[in-house]
């Protein structure tokens, strides 16, 4: 029998031995295809000296494949019932540390300082639970961690939204937020059949390569993101209507029109047609106008 955790039989045996039942509330779907796991790890371009952070290791299927390729792995697991299972399945990999914590509440900077060498090449590699994909990714990006990038298996639809270009139906505030911090690319589509239990939708492997600096110069990062959220508040509305409904008052409409004209942005356009550069230009101009 294969020693790999990620085979249907081995997974079944492990779950049976521990009487483990899946919690829908935690979005638990375990991968049972070693080839796909290896492809995910390939995307991360890990070296022998690299370190990796994993989120939601489950029974250790992906963790095992990451551990074979790098010097140190730290995995965040929220479900206490999985800790004894991981202790057994990963016993051959002493360089793996499992942290029992919700990654959304964890001080990741502190965990990195305590577990990895200074300036060590670091990647996040994970099969993320669908229900918390966006908050986890935004936390990883916004906290400006000392990592090279992120390779994650997520819901296909979310991967398409993150990697979307202006003018497409998938493009929105999430696309801009992610692409402000990183270059985004969908690496592969993964069918739902390679998971236990099977989810309702297919997944995709998304690679985010962190930028050394953002692609646009901003006077106020917080305001830029506020402007973007307002611009996409109701997708079918024009930019002008969204901004006067969600960020400004009707009395400021005239001033707003003037700023849009100066930026050569037609007020009747919709948010999804604006590039990040146009949003940056508009955000900086609105700050200058102080409206």
C-alpha atoms as a PDB file:
ATOM      1  CA  UNK A   1       0.000   0.000   0.000  1.00  0.00           C
ATOM      2  CA  UNK A   2       1.207   3.507  -0.882  1.00  0.00           C
ATOM      3  CA  UNK A   3       2.690   5.397   2.026  1.00  0.00           C
ATOM      4  CA  UNK A   4       1.186   8.632   0.741  1.00  0.00           C
ATOM      5  CA  UNK A   5      -1.701   9.948   2.833  1.00  0.00           C
ATOM      6  CA  UNK A   6      -3.576  11.216  -0.210  1.00  0.00           C
ATOM      7  CA  UNK A   7      -4.959   7.963  -1.591  1.00  0.00           C
ATOM      8  CA  UNK A   8      -8.645   7.062  -1.261  1.00  0.00           C
ATOM      9  CA  UNK A   9      -7.869   3.905   0.773  1.00  0.00           C
ATOM     10  CA  UNK A  10      -5.318   5.450   3.130  1.00  0.00           C
ATOM     11  CA  UNK A  11      -7.596   8.460   3.748  1.00  0.00           C
ATOM     12  CA  UNK A  12     -10.519   6.138   4.445  1.00  0.00           C
ATOM     13  CA  UNK A  13      -8.420   4.035   6.867  1.00  0.00           C
ATOM     14  CA  UNK A  14      -7.188   7.095   8.779  1.00  0.00           C
ATOM     15  CA  UNK A  15     -10.693   8.567   9.098  1.00  0.00           C
ATOM     16  CA  UNK A  16     -12.078   5.203  10.217  1.00  0.00           C
ATOM     17  CA  UNK A  17      -9.308   4.618  12.772  1.00  0.00           C
ATOM     18  CA  UNK A  18     -10.003   7.957  14.471  1.00  0.00           C
ATOM     19  CA  UNK A  19     -13.764   7.928  13.897  1.00  0.00           C
ATOM     20  CA  UNK A  20     -13.413  11.304  12.228  1.00  0.00           C
ATOM     21  CA  UNK A  21     -16.526  12.971  10.821  1.00  0.00           C
ATOM     22  CA  UNK A  22     -16.441  16.025   8.574  1.00  0.00           C
ATOM     23  CA  UNK A  23     -17.679  19.321   9.933  1.00  0.00           C
ATOM     24  CA  UNK A  24     -19.545  21.249   7.272  1.00  0.00           C
ATOM     25  CA  UNK A  25     -19.091  24.430   9.304  1.00  0.00           C
ATOM     26  CA  UNK A  26     -15.293  24.152   8.833  1.00  0.00           C
ATOM     27  CA  UNK A  27     -15.519  23.528   5.080  1.00  0.00           C
ATOM     28  CA  UNK A  28     -13.504  20.312   5.335  1.00  0.00           C
ATOM     29  CA  UNK A  29     -12.773  18.637   1.985  1.00  0.00           C
ATOM     30  CA  UNK A  30      -9.693  16.418   1.884  1.00  0.00           C
ATOM     31  CA  UNK A  31      -7.701  15.803  -1.301  1.00  0.00           C
ATOM     32  CA  UNK A  32      -7.207  12.191  -2.373  1.00  0.00           C
ATOM     33  CA  UNK A  33      -5.006  12.627  -5.457  1.00  0.00           C
ATOM     34  CA  UNK A  34      -1.228  12.683  -5.001  1.00  0.00           C
ATOM     35  CA  UNK A  35      -0.558  13.974  -8.535  1.00  0.00           C
ATOM     36  CA  UNK A  36      -2.631  17.080  -7.936  1.00  0.00           C
ATOM     37  CA  UNK A  37      -0.940  17.664  -4.576  1.00  0.00           C
ATOM     38  CA  UNK A  38       2.444  17.446  -6.267  1.00  0.00           C
ATOM     39  CA  UNK A  39       1.318  19.894  -8.948  1.00  0.00           C
ATOM     40  CA  UNK A  40       0.247  22.347  -6.232  1.00  0.00           C
ATOM     41  CA  UNK A  41       3.654  22.090  -4.557  1.00  0.00           C
ATOM     42  CA  UNK A  42       5.384  22.454  -7.958  1.00  0.00           C
ATOM     43  CA  UNK A  43       3.635  25.820  -8.400  1.00  0.00           C
ATOM     44  CA  UNK A  44       5.288  27.072  -5.200  1.00  0.00           C
ATOM     45  CA  UNK A  45       8.852  26.563  -6.576  1.00  0.00           C
ATOM     46  CA  UNK A  46      10.190  25.477  -3.194  1.00  0.00           C
ATOM     47  CA  UNK A  47      13.916  24.888  -2.647  1.00  0.00           C
ATOM     48  CA  UNK A  48      15.506  22.617  -0.011  1.00  0.00           C
ATOM     49  CA  UNK A  49      16.185  25.689   2.170  1.00  0.00           C
ATOM     50  CA  UNK A  50      12.686  27.144   1.770  1.00  0.00           C
ATOM     51  CA  UNK A  51      10.057  27.414   4.458  1.00  0.00           C
ATOM     52  CA  UNK A  52       6.312  26.943   3.968  1.00  0.00           C
ATOM     53  CA  UNK A  53       3.178  27.974   5.819  1.00  0.00           C
ATOM     54  CA  UNK A  54       0.073  25.849   5.405  1.00  0.00           C
ATOM     55  CA  UNK A  55      -3.474  26.633   6.485  1.00  0.00           C
ATOM     56  CA  UNK A  56      -5.917  23.824   7.248  1.00  0.00           C
ATOM     57  CA  UNK A  57      -3.712  20.720   6.843  1.00  0.00           C
ATOM     58  CA  UNK A  58      -6.593  18.311   7.492  1.00  0.00           C
ATOM     59  CA  UNK A  59      -5.040  14.862   7.877  1.00  0.00           C
ATOM     60  CA  UNK A  60      -1.726  16.022   6.380  1.00  0.00           C
ATOM     61  CA  UNK A  61      -2.082  15.063   2.703  1.00  0.00           C
ATOM     62  CA  UNK A  62      -0.692  18.316   1.296  1.00  0.00           C
ATOM     63  CA  UNK A  63       1.545  18.907   4.325  1.00  0.00           C
ATOM     64  CA  UNK A  64       3.384  15.660   3.576  1.00  0.00           C
ATOM     65  CA  UNK A  65       4.140  16.662  -0.021  1.00  0.00           C
ATOM     66  CA  UNK A  66       5.300  20.138   1.052  1.00  0.00           C
ATOM     67  CA  UNK A  67       7.500  18.622   3.791  1.00  0.00           C
ATOM     68  CA  UNK A  68       9.300  16.441   1.225  1.00  0.00           C
ATOM     69  CA  UNK A  69      10.469  19.568  -0.602  1.00  0.00           C
ATOM     70  CA  UNK A  70      11.513  22.117   1.991  1.00  0.00           C
ATOM     71  CA  UNK A  71      13.351  22.741   5.241  1.00  0.00           C
ATOM     72  CA  UNK A  72      10.499  23.762   7.543  1.00  0.00           C
ATOM     73  CA  UNK A  73       6.689  23.695   7.476  1.00  0.00           C
ATOM     74  CA  UNK A  74       4.300  25.411   9.886  1.00  0.00           C
ATOM     75  CA  UNK A  75       0.640  24.399   9.541  1.00  0.00           C
ATOM     76  CA  UNK A  76      -2.284  26.217  11.174  1.00  0.00           C
ATOM     77  CA  UNK A  77      -5.124  23.857  12.145  1.00  0.00           C
ATOM     78  CA  UNK A  78      -8.313  25.100  13.809  1.00  0.00           C
ATOM     79  CA  UNK A  79      -9.923  21.679  14.448  1.00  0.00           C
ATOM     80  CA  UNK A  80      -8.607  20.109  17.652  1.00  0.00           C
ATOM     81  CA  UNK A  81      -9.830  16.645  16.568  1.00  0.00           C
ATOM     82  CA  UNK A  82      -7.207  16.610  13.801  1.00  0.00           C
ATOM     83  CA  UNK A  83      -4.194  17.204  16.077  1.00  0.00           C
ATOM     84  CA  UNK A  84      -3.692  13.539  17.141  1.00  0.00           C
ATOM     85  CA  UNK A  85      -4.226  12.420  13.529  1.00  0.00           C
ATOM     86  CA  UNK A  86      -1.573  14.842  12.261  1.00  0.00           C
ATOM     87  CA  UNK A  87       0.810  13.717  15.004  1.00  0.00           C
ATOM     88  CA  UNK A  88       0.600  10.206  13.581  1.00  0.00           C
ATOM     89  CA  UNK A  89       0.446  10.904   9.842  1.00  0.00           C
ATOM     90  CA  UNK A  90       3.333  13.399   9.932  1.00  0.00           C
ATOM     91  CA  UNK A  91       5.517  11.524  12.418  1.00  0.00           C
ATOM     92  CA  UNK A  92       8.125  10.929   9.684  1.00  0.00           C
ATOM     93  CA  UNK A  93       8.518  14.690   9.218  1.00  0.00           C
ATOM     94  CA  UNK A  94       9.977  16.254  12.391  1.00  0.00           C
ATOM     95  CA  UNK A  95      10.463  19.557  10.559  1.00  0.00           C
ATOM     96  CA  UNK A  96       6.673  20.086  10.482  1.00  0.00           C
ATOM     97  CA  UNK A  97       5.106  22.146  13.298  1.00  0.00           C
ATOM     98  CA  UNK A  98       1.333  22.164  13.717  1.00  0.00           C
ATOM     99  CA  UNK A  99      -0.086  25.285  15.359  1.00  0.00           C
ATOM    100  CA  UNK A 100      -3.568  24.808  16.842  1.00  0.00           C
ATOM    101  CA  UNK A 101      -5.058  28.170  15.932  1.00  0.00           C
ATOM    102  CA  UNK A 102      -7.504  30.007  13.733  1.00  0.00           C
ATOM    103  CA  UNK A 103      -5.195  31.677  11.214  1.00  0.00           C
ATOM    104  CA  UNK A 104      -7.517  34.701  11.088  1.00  0.00           C
ATOM    105  CA  UNK A 105      -6.781  35.376  14.743  1.00  0.00           C
ATOM    106  CA  UNK A 106      -3.128  34.353  14.723  1.00  0.00           C
ATOM    107  CA  UNK A 107      -0.151  36.706  14.874  1.00  0.00           C
ATOM    108  CA  UNK A 108       1.488  35.329  11.733  1.00  0.00           C
ATOM    109  CA  UNK A 109       4.480  37.683  11.963  1.00  0.00           C
ATOM    110  CA  UNK A 110       5.243  36.239  15.416  1.00  0.00           C
ATOM    111  CA  UNK A 111       4.852  32.631  14.199  1.00  0.00           C
ATOM    112  CA  UNK A 112       7.270  33.383  11.327  1.00  0.00           C
ATOM    113  CA  UNK A 113       9.846  34.928  13.694  1.00  0.00           C
ATOM    114  CA  UNK A 114       9.652  31.928  16.033  1.00  0.00           C
ATOM    115  CA  UNK A 115       9.807  29.182  13.397  1.00  0.00           C
ATOM    116  CA  UNK A 116      11.787  30.377  10.400  1.00  0.00           C
ATOM    117  CA  UNK A 117      15.235  31.815   9.798  1.00  0.00           C
ATOM    118  CA  UNK A 118      15.625  35.497   9.111  1.00  0.00           C
ATOM    119  CA  UNK A 119      15.189  36.238   5.373  1.00  0.00           C
ATOM    120  CA  UNK A 120      14.328  32.598   4.655  1.00  0.00           C
ATOM    121  CA  UNK A 121      12.510  32.019   1.362  1.00  0.00           C
ATOM    122  CA  UNK A 122       8.863  31.604   2.456  1.00  0.00           C
ATOM    123  CA  UNK A 123       5.704  30.513   0.650  1.00  0.00           C
ATOM    124  CA  UNK A 124       2.133  29.968   1.793  1.00  0.00           C
ATOM    125  CA  UNK A 125       0.809  26.709   0.296  1.00  0.00           C
ATOM    126  CA  UNK A 126      -2.706  25.594   1.228  1.00  0.00           C
ATOM    127  CA  UNK A 127      -6.008  24.003   0.344  1.00  0.00           C
ATOM    128  CA  UNK A 128      -8.262  26.693   1.820  1.00  0.00           C
ATOM    129  CA  UNK A 129     -11.773  26.115   3.179  1.00  0.00           C
ATOM    130  CA  UNK A 130     -14.200  27.786   0.767  1.00  0.00           C
ATOM    131  CA  UNK A 131     -16.127  29.726   3.387  1.00  0.00           C
ATOM    132  CA  UNK A 132     -13.125  31.771   4.610  1.00  0.00           C
ATOM    133  CA  UNK A 133     -11.029  32.018   1.437  1.00  0.00           C
ATOM    134  CA  UNK A 134     -11.359  35.773   0.953  1.00  0.00           C
ATOM    135  CA  UNK A 135     -10.705  36.891   4.556  1.00  0.00           C
ATOM    136  CA  UNK A 136      -7.667  34.589   4.785  1.00  0.00           C
ATOM    137  CA  UNK A 137      -6.161  35.788   1.502  1.00  0.00           C
ATOM    138  CA  UNK A 138      -6.749  39.444   2.347  1.00  0.00           C
ATOM    139  CA  UNK A 139      -5.157  38.977   5.794  1.00  0.00           C
ATOM    140  CA  UNK A 140      -2.095  37.321   4.211  1.00  0.00           C
ATOM    141  CA  UNK A 141      -1.748  40.179   1.707  1.00  0.00           C
ATOM    142  CA  UNK A 142      -2.624  43.165   3.894  1.00  0.00           C
ATOM    143  CA  UNK A 143      -0.324  42.174   6.757  1.00  0.00           C
ATOM    144  CA  UNK A 144       2.677  42.489   4.423  1.00  0.00           C
ATOM    145  CA  UNK A 145       4.263  39.250   5.591  1.00  0.00           C
ATOM    146  CA  UNK A 146       7.859  38.418   4.632  1.00  0.00           C
ATOM    147  CA  UNK A 147       6.717  35.829   2.047  1.00  0.00           C
ATOM    148  CA  UNK A 148       7.506  35.365  -1.650  1.00  0.00           C
ATOM    149  CA  UNK A 149       3.997  34.371  -2.544  1.00  0.00           C
ATOM    150  CA  UNK A 150       0.900  32.267  -2.013  1.00  0.00           C
ATOM    151  CA  UNK A 151      -0.254  29.110  -3.788  1.00  0.00           C
ATOM    152  CA  UNK A 152      -3.768  28.089  -2.806  1.00  0.00           C
ATOM    153  CA  UNK A 153      -6.462  25.702  -3.875  1.00  0.00           C
ATOM    154  CA  UNK A 154      -9.717  27.647  -3.732  1.00  0.00           C
ATOM    155  CA  UNK A 155     -13.159  27.688  -5.304  1.00  0.00           C
ATOM    156  CA  UNK A 156     -12.764  28.127  -9.087  1.00  0.00           C
ATOM    157  CA  UNK A 157     -15.175  31.048  -9.165  1.00  0.00           C
ATOM    158  CA  UNK A 158     -13.183  32.945  -6.497  1.00  0.00           C
ATOM    159  CA  UNK A 159      -9.880  32.276  -8.308  1.00  0.00           C
ATOM    160  CA  UNK A 160     -11.422  33.718 -11.495  1.00  0.00           C
ATOM    161  CA  UNK A 161     -12.549  36.833  -9.611  1.00  0.00           C
ATOM    162  CA  UNK A 162      -9.111  37.384  -8.074  1.00  0.00           C
ATOM    163  CA  UNK A 163      -7.237  37.019 -11.377  1.00  0.00           C
ATOM    164  CA  UNK A 164      -9.840  38.936 -13.460  1.00  0.00           C
ATOM    165  CA  UNK A 165      -8.961  41.823 -15.774  1.00  0.00           C
ATOM    166  CA  UNK A 166     -10.909  45.109 -16.130  1.00  0.00           C
ATOM    167  CA  UNK A 167     -14.007  44.947 -18.310  1.00  0.00           C
ATOM    168  CA  UNK A 168     -14.802  41.311 -17.517  1.00  0.00           C
ATOM    169  CA  UNK A 169     -17.777  40.063 -15.496  1.00  0.00           C
ATOM    170  CA  UNK A 170     -15.505  38.600 -12.797  1.00  0.00           C
ATOM    171  CA  UNK A 171     -13.559  41.838 -12.224  1.00  0.00           C
ATOM    172  CA  UNK A 172     -14.393  43.607  -8.974  1.00  0.00           C
ATOM    173  CA  UNK A 173     -13.063  45.030  -5.719  1.00  0.00           C
ATOM    174  CA  UNK A 174     -11.479  41.661  -4.811  1.00  0.00           C
ATOM    175  CA  UNK A 175      -9.531  41.586  -8.113  1.00  0.00           C
ATOM    176  CA  UNK A 176      -8.101  45.043  -7.440  1.00  0.00           C
ATOM    177  CA  UNK A 177      -7.315  44.351  -3.766  1.00  0.00           C
ATOM    178  CA  UNK A 178      -5.404  41.161  -4.605  1.00  0.00           C
ATOM    179  CA  UNK A 179      -3.637  42.586  -7.660  1.00  0.00           C
ATOM    180  CA  UNK A 180      -2.545  45.671  -5.728  1.00  0.00           C
ATOM    181  CA  UNK A 181      -0.370  43.421  -3.567  1.00  0.00           C
ATOM    182  CA  UNK A 182       0.436  40.572  -5.954  1.00  0.00           C
ATOM    183  CA  UNK A 183       0.445  39.276  -9.499  1.00  0.00           C
ATOM    184  CA  UNK A 184      -2.392  36.760  -9.747  1.00  0.00           C
ATOM    185  CA  UNK A 185      -2.575  33.735 -12.024  1.00  0.00           C
ATOM    186  CA  UNK A 186      -4.809  30.672 -12.136  1.00  0.00           C
ATOM    187  CA  UNK A 187      -2.449  27.692 -12.527  1.00  0.00           C
ATOM    188  CA  UNK A 188      -4.883  24.788 -12.923  1.00  0.00           C
ATOM    189  CA  UNK A 189      -8.504  23.723 -12.551  1.00  0.00           C
ATOM    190  CA  UNK A 190      -9.162  20.842 -10.136  1.00  0.00           C
ATOM    191  CA  UNK A 191     -12.308  18.701 -10.481  1.00  0.00           C
ATOM    192  CA  UNK A 192     -14.515  18.161  -7.436  1.00  0.00           C
ATOM    193  CA  UNK A 193     -14.096  14.373  -7.839  1.00  0.00           C
ATOM    194  CA  UNK A 194     -10.647  14.378  -6.192  1.00  0.00           C
ATOM    195  CA  UNK A 195     -11.993  15.433  -2.790  1.00  0.00           C
ATOM    196  CA  UNK A 196     -13.586  13.614   0.122  1.00  0.00           C
ATOM    197  CA  UNK A 197     -16.344  14.601   0.668  1.00  0.00           C
ATOM    198  CA  UNK A 198     -16.975  15.991  -2.800  1.00  0.00           C
ATOM    199  CA  UNK A 199     -17.738  19.723  -2.822  1.00  0.00           C
ATOM    200  CA  UNK A 200     -20.487  21.082  -5.081  1.00  0.00           C
ATOM    201  CA  UNK A 201     -18.118  23.025  -7.322  1.00  0.00           C
ATOM    202  CA  UNK A 202     -14.738  22.653  -9.004  1.00  0.00           C
ATOM    203  CA  UNK A 203     -11.627  24.241  -7.538  1.00  0.00           C
ATOM    204  CA  UNK A 204      -8.649  26.064  -8.970  1.00  0.00           C
ATOM    205  CA  UNK A 205      -5.034  26.523  -7.928  1.00  0.00           C
ATOM    206  CA  UNK A 206      -4.264  30.236  -7.701  1.00  0.00           C
ATOM    207  CA  UNK A 207      -0.741  31.623  -7.511  1.00  0.00           C
ATOM    208  CA  UNK A 208      -0.135  35.064  -6.042  1.00  0.00           C
ATOM    209  CA  UNK A 209       3.408  36.391  -6.488  1.00  0.00           C
ATOM    210  CA  UNK A 210       3.949  39.301  -4.129  1.00  0.00           C
ATOM    211  CA  UNK A 211       5.030  42.600  -5.648  1.00  0.00           C
ATOM    212  CA  UNK A 212       8.062  44.503  -4.334  1.00  0.00           C
ATOM    213  CA  UNK A 213       5.942  47.622  -4.520  1.00  0.00           C
ATOM    214  CA  UNK A 214       2.337  48.345  -5.543  1.00  0.00           C
ATOM    215  CA  UNK A 215       1.668  49.020  -9.253  1.00  0.00           C
ATOM    216  CA  UNK A 216       0.141  52.448  -8.464  1.00  0.00           C
ATOM    217  CA  UNK A 217       1.239  55.382  -6.292  1.00  0.00           C
ATOM    218  CA  UNK A 218      -1.407  56.370  -3.743  1.00  0.00           C
ATOM    219  CA  UNK A 219      -1.800  59.340  -1.427  1.00  0.00           C
ATOM    220  CA  UNK A 220      -4.026  57.309   0.914  1.00  0.00           C
ATOM    221  CA  UNK A 221      -4.244  53.513   0.649  1.00  0.00           C
ATOM    222  CA  UNK A 222      -7.268  53.314   2.961  1.00  0.00           C
ATOM    223  CA  UNK A 223      -9.245  55.824   0.901  1.00  0.00           C
ATOM    224  CA  UNK A 224      -8.316  54.042  -2.350  1.00  0.00           C
ATOM    225  CA  UNK A 225      -9.903  50.796  -1.102  1.00  0.00           C
ATOM    226  CA  UNK A 226     -12.909  52.678   0.276  1.00  0.00           C
ATOM    227  CA  UNK A 227     -13.428  54.248  -3.165  1.00  0.00           C
ATOM    228  CA  UNK A 228     -13.204  50.861  -4.862  1.00  0.00           C
ATOM    229  CA  UNK A 229     -15.713  49.234  -2.500  1.00  0.00           C
ATOM    230  CA  UNK A 230     -18.138  52.109  -3.130  1.00  0.00           C
ATOM    231  CA  UNK A 231     -17.638  51.882  -6.910  1.00  0.00           C
ATOM    232  CA  UNK A 232     -18.655  48.226  -6.939  1.00  0.00           C
ATOM    233  CA  UNK A 233     -21.423  48.469  -4.317  1.00  0.00           C
ATOM    234  CA  UNK A 234     -24.110  47.845  -6.953  1.00  0.00           C
ATOM    235  CA  UNK A 235     -22.594  46.451 -10.111  1.00  0.00           C
ATOM    236  CA  UNK A 236     -25.371  47.549 -12.454  1.00  0.00           C
ATOM    237  CA  UNK A 237     -25.128  51.201 -11.398  1.00  0.00           C
ATOM    238  CA  UNK A 238     -22.860  53.795 -12.969  1.00  0.00           C
ATOM    239  CA  UNK A 239     -19.735  54.994 -11.219  1.00  0.00           C
ATOM    240  CA  UNK A 240     -21.397  58.340 -10.479  1.00  0.00           C
ATOM    241  CA  UNK A 241     -24.494  56.759  -8.946  1.00  0.00           C
ATOM    242  CA  UNK A 242     -22.466  54.330  -6.831  1.00  0.00           C
ATOM    243  CA  UNK A 243     -20.222  57.098  -5.523  1.00  0.00           C
ATOM    244  CA  UNK A 244     -23.083  59.490  -4.695  1.00  0.00           C
ATOM    245  CA  UNK A 245     -25.010  56.680  -2.980  1.00  0.00           C
ATOM    246  CA  UNK A 246     -22.132  55.121  -1.059  1.00  0.00           C
ATOM    247  CA  UNK A 247     -19.328  57.635  -0.528  1.00  0.00           C
ATOM    248  CA  UNK A 248     -20.566  61.155  -1.147  1.00  0.00           C
ATOM    249  CA  UNK A 249     -23.803  63.079  -0.775  1.00  0.00           C
ATOM    250  CA  UNK A 250     -26.039  64.271  -3.594  1.00  0.00           C
ATOM    251  CA  UNK A 251     -24.877  67.858  -2.804  1.00  0.00           C
ATOM    252  CA  UNK A 252     -21.315  66.896  -3.742  1.00  0.00           C
ATOM    253  CA  UNK A 253     -22.364  65.558  -7.142  1.00  0.00           C
ATOM    254  CA  UNK A 254     -21.201  68.638  -9.062  1.00  0.00           C
ATOM    255  CA  UNK A 255     -17.728  68.600  -7.490  1.00  0.00           C
ATOM    256  CA  UNK A 256     -17.502  64.869  -8.125  1.00  0.00           C
ATOM    257  CA  UNK A 257     -18.385  65.365 -11.791  1.00  0.00           C
ATOM    258  CA  UNK A 258     -15.639  67.976 -12.086  1.00  0.00           C
ATOM    259  CA  UNK A 259     -13.023  65.592 -10.624  1.00  0.00           C
ATOM    260  CA  UNK A 260     -14.124  62.783 -12.954  1.00  0.00           C
ATOM    261  CA  UNK A 261     -13.850  65.135 -15.945  1.00  0.00           C
ATOM    262  CA  UNK A 262     -10.355  66.209 -14.912  1.00  0.00           C
ATOM    263  CA  UNK A 263      -9.366  62.535 -14.692  1.00  0.00           C
ATOM    264  CA  UNK A 264     -10.980  61.949 -18.136  1.00  0.00           C
ATOM    265  CA  UNK A 265     -13.296  59.322 -16.642  1.00  0.00           C
ATOM    266  CA  UNK A 266     -16.849  59.273 -17.976  1.00  0.00           C
ATOM    267  CA  UNK A 267     -19.257  59.376 -14.969  1.00  0.00           C
ATOM    268  CA  UNK A 268     -21.633  56.985 -16.787  1.00  0.00           C
ATOM    269  CA  UNK A 269     -19.054  54.193 -16.850  1.00  0.00           C
ATOM    270  CA  UNK A 270     -19.440  51.246 -14.501  1.00  0.00           C
ATOM    271  CA  UNK A 271     -16.843  50.356 -11.886  1.00  0.00           C
ATOM    272  CA  UNK A 272     -15.814  47.142 -13.637  1.00  0.00           C
ATOM    273  CA  UNK A 273     -14.556  49.094 -16.695  1.00  0.00           C
ATOM    274  CA  UNK A 274     -11.979  51.080 -14.716  1.00  0.00           C
ATOM    275  CA  UNK A 275      -8.404  49.875 -14.437  1.00  0.00           C
ATOM    276  CA  UNK A 276      -6.477  50.030 -11.178  1.00  0.00           C
ATOM    277  CA  UNK A 277      -4.511  52.974 -12.616  1.00  0.00           C
ATOM    278  CA  UNK A 278      -7.764  54.907 -13.255  1.00  0.00           C
ATOM    279  CA  UNK A 279      -8.995  54.210  -9.728  1.00  0.00           C
ATOM    280  CA  UNK A 280      -5.647  55.402  -8.330  1.00  0.00           C
ATOM    281  CA  UNK A 281      -5.808  58.598 -10.421  1.00  0.00           C
ATOM    282  CA  UNK A 282      -9.365  59.249  -9.226  1.00  0.00           C
ATOM    283  CA  UNK A 283      -8.572  58.492  -5.553  1.00  0.00           C
ATOM    284  CA  UNK A 284      -5.592  60.879  -5.564  1.00  0.00           C
ATOM    285  CA  UNK A 285      -7.599  63.610  -7.334  1.00  0.00           C
ATOM    286  CA  UNK A 286     -10.490  63.319  -4.860  1.00  0.00           C
ATOM    287  CA  UNK A 287      -8.056  63.690  -1.957  1.00  0.00           C
ATOM    288  CA  UNK A 288      -6.609  66.838  -3.602  1.00  0.00           C
ATOM    289  CA  UNK A 289     -10.109  68.285  -4.057  1.00  0.00           C
ATOM    290  CA  UNK A 290     -10.951  67.457  -0.418  1.00  0.00           C
ATOM    291  CA  UNK A 291     -14.559  66.615  -1.124  1.00  0.00           C
END
